[in-house]
Amino acid sequence: DIGVAVDSEQGLFVPVLRNAQTLDAAQLKNSLAELIELTRNRTIAPAELRGSTITLSNFGSIGGRYASPVVLPPTVAIVGAGRSRDEVVARDGQPAVRHILPLSLCFDHRAVTGGEATRFMNAMIADLKQQV
């Protein structure tokens, strides 16, 4: 179950997307849209704001680049996405322009080790690269 940070006029809420691993892309999109609408309208049930293991936060949507979110149990980790932009990077010894998505990962060391968190982040980055 994945928490999704939702910024609203009343503050930050984290509704939970249940059984996200069973959803295809269209179902995921529709479920997220529904959660966001219920949250912003303040009609989401309190039970739907509890129980996530990992939270996704898109602070890039409001101009942020990096962040250090605070992980509160029972959440184990927060993956944050900053605002993407084109940057000049070295590619085969030459400058090249690439679209870069800054990611942040904060995690609870009581639940996972730094190595586990790094392997998770590397796997996530590899999956994101395949989607481009």
Protein backbone atom coordinates (compact mmCIF):
# COMPACT_ATOMS: atom_id res chain seq x y z
CA ASP A 1 0.00 0.00 0.00
CA ILE A 2 1.47 3.30 -1.15
CA GLY A 3 0.85 6.70 0.39
CA VAL A 4 0.53 9.61 -2.01
CA ALA A 5 1.32 13.05 -0.62
CA VAL A 6 -1.47 15.47 -1.60
CA ASP A 7 -1.04 19.21 -1.09
CA SER A 8 -4.31 20.99 -0.39
CA GLU A 9 -5.53 24.34 0.89
CA GLN A 10 -5.98 22.67 4.29
CA GLY A 11 -2.43 21.26 4.36
CA LEU A 12 -0.69 18.03 3.45
CA PHE A 13 -2.58 14.73 3.49
CA VAL A 14 -1.36 11.26 2.56
CA PRO A 15 -4.17 9.04 1.25
CA VAL A 16 -3.26 5.41 0.66
CA LEU A 17 -3.42 3.69 -2.70
CA ARG A 18 -4.34 0.12 -1.73
CA ASN A 19 -2.95 -2.89 -3.60
CA ALA A 20 -1.10 -0.66 -6.07
CA GLN A 21 0.89 -3.63 -7.34
CA THR A 22 -2.29 -5.13 -8.83
CA LEU A 23 -3.25 -2.07 -10.89
CA ASP A 24 -2.42 -1.50 -14.54
CA ALA A 25 -1.47 1.99 -15.76
CA ALA A 26 -5.05 3.09 -16.49
CA GLN A 27 -6.36 1.81 -13.15
CA LEU A 28 -3.46 3.48 -11.35
CA LYS A 29 -4.18 6.81 -13.05
CA ASN A 30 -7.91 6.61 -12.24
CA SER A 31 -7.33 5.52 -8.64
CA LEU A 32 -4.85 8.35 -8.06
CA ALA A 33 -7.22 10.92 -9.54
CA GLU A 34 -10.04 9.68 -7.30
CA LEU A 35 -7.86 9.73 -4.16
CA ILE A 36 -6.66 13.25 -4.92
CA GLU A 37 -10.20 14.51 -5.55
CA LEU A 38 -11.55 12.93 -2.35
CA THR A 39 -8.63 14.34 -0.37
CA ARG A 40 -8.90 17.89 -1.72
CA ASN A 41 -12.69 17.86 -1.20
CA ARG A 42 -12.15 16.59 2.37
CA THR A 43 -14.52 13.68 1.74
CA ILE A 44 -11.95 10.91 2.09
CA ALA A 45 -12.55 8.45 4.94
CA PRO A 46 -10.01 8.70 7.80
CA ALA A 47 -9.18 5.00 7.34
CA GLU A 48 -7.93 5.83 3.84
CA LEU A 49 -5.24 8.06 5.36
CA ARG A 50 -3.60 5.21 7.29
CA GLY A 51 -1.53 2.15 6.55
CA SER A 52 1.01 3.05 3.89
CA THR A 53 4.46 1.48 3.93
CA ILE A 54 6.06 3.88 1.49
CA THR A 55 4.97 7.36 0.43
CA LEU A 56 5.43 9.12 -2.89
CA SER A 57 5.82 12.89 -2.80
CA ASN A 58 5.99 15.14 -5.87
CA PHE A 59 7.35 18.39 -4.49
CA GLY A 60 8.49 19.20 -8.03
CA SER A 61 4.90 20.10 -8.88
CA ILE A 62 5.29 23.24 -6.76
CA GLY A 63 8.84 24.01 -7.89
CA GLY A 64 10.92 22.03 -5.39
CA ARG A 65 14.08 20.28 -6.52
CA TYR A 66 15.22 18.18 -3.54
CA ALA A 67 13.84 17.61 -0.06
CA SER A 68 14.50 15.64 3.10
CA PRO A 69 11.06 14.44 4.16
CA VAL A 70 10.58 13.19 7.72
CA VAL A 71 9.54 9.54 7.91
CA LEU A 72 6.91 8.84 10.56
CA PRO A 73 6.06 5.21 11.49
CA PRO A 74 4.47 3.06 10.25
CA THR A 75 5.79 4.49 6.98
CA VAL A 76 9.21 3.02 6.18
CA ALA A 77 10.32 5.36 3.38
CA ILE A 78 9.41 8.43 1.36
CA VAL A 79 10.41 8.79 -2.29
CA GLY A 80 10.31 12.39 -3.42
CA ALA A 81 10.42 13.69 -6.99
CA GLY A 82 11.64 17.20 -7.66
CA ARG A 83 11.02 19.37 -10.69
CA SER A 84 12.59 17.84 -13.79
CA ARG A 85 14.64 19.95 -16.16
CA ASP A 86 17.15 19.76 -18.96
CA GLU A 87 20.77 19.73 -17.78
CA VAL A 88 24.14 19.45 -19.45
CA VAL A 89 25.85 16.19 -18.43
CA ALA A 90 28.92 14.29 -19.59
CA ARG A 91 28.06 11.50 -22.04
CA ASP A 92 30.93 9.46 -23.51
CA GLY A 93 33.32 12.27 -22.61
CA GLN A 94 31.22 14.91 -24.37
CA PRO A 95 28.68 17.42 -23.08
CA ALA A 96 25.09 16.39 -23.76
CA VAL A 97 21.70 17.74 -22.74
CA ARG A 98 19.56 15.26 -20.81
CA HIS A 99 16.23 15.57 -19.05
CA ILE A 100 16.95 15.00 -15.34
CA LEU A 101 14.44 14.04 -12.63
CA PRO A 102 15.88 14.65 -9.16
CA LEU A 103 14.82 11.98 -6.67
CA SER A 104 15.13 11.89 -2.89
CA LEU A 105 14.80 8.83 -0.67
CA CYS A 106 14.41 9.13 3.08
CA PHE A 107 13.98 5.95 5.09
CA ASP A 108 13.77 4.58 8.62
CA HIS A 109 17.04 2.84 9.51
CA ARG A 110 15.15 0.73 12.03
CA ALA A 111 13.34 -0.96 9.14
CA VAL A 112 15.89 -1.02 6.29
CA THR A 113 19.63 -0.66 5.88
CA GLY A 114 21.35 1.91 3.72
CA GLY A 115 22.33 -0.85 1.30
CA GLU A 116 18.74 -2.04 0.94
CA ALA A 117 17.53 1.51 0.41
CA THR A 118 20.22 2.15 -2.21
CA ARG A 119 19.40 -1.06 -4.09
CA PHE A 120 15.71 -0.08 -4.03
CA MET A 121 16.52 3.37 -5.41
CA ASN A 122 18.77 1.90 -8.13
CA ALA A 123 16.01 -0.53 -9.17
CA MET A 124 13.46 2.28 -9.25
CA ILE A 125 15.76 4.45 -11.40
CA ALA A 126 16.34 1.53 -13.79
CA ASP A 127 12.57 1.03 -14.11
CA LEU A 128 12.01 4.75 -14.73
CA LYS A 129 14.69 4.77 -17.45
CA GLN A 130 12.90 1.92 -19.23
CA GLN A 131 9.68 3.96 -19.29
CA VAL A 132 11.29 6.89 -21.12
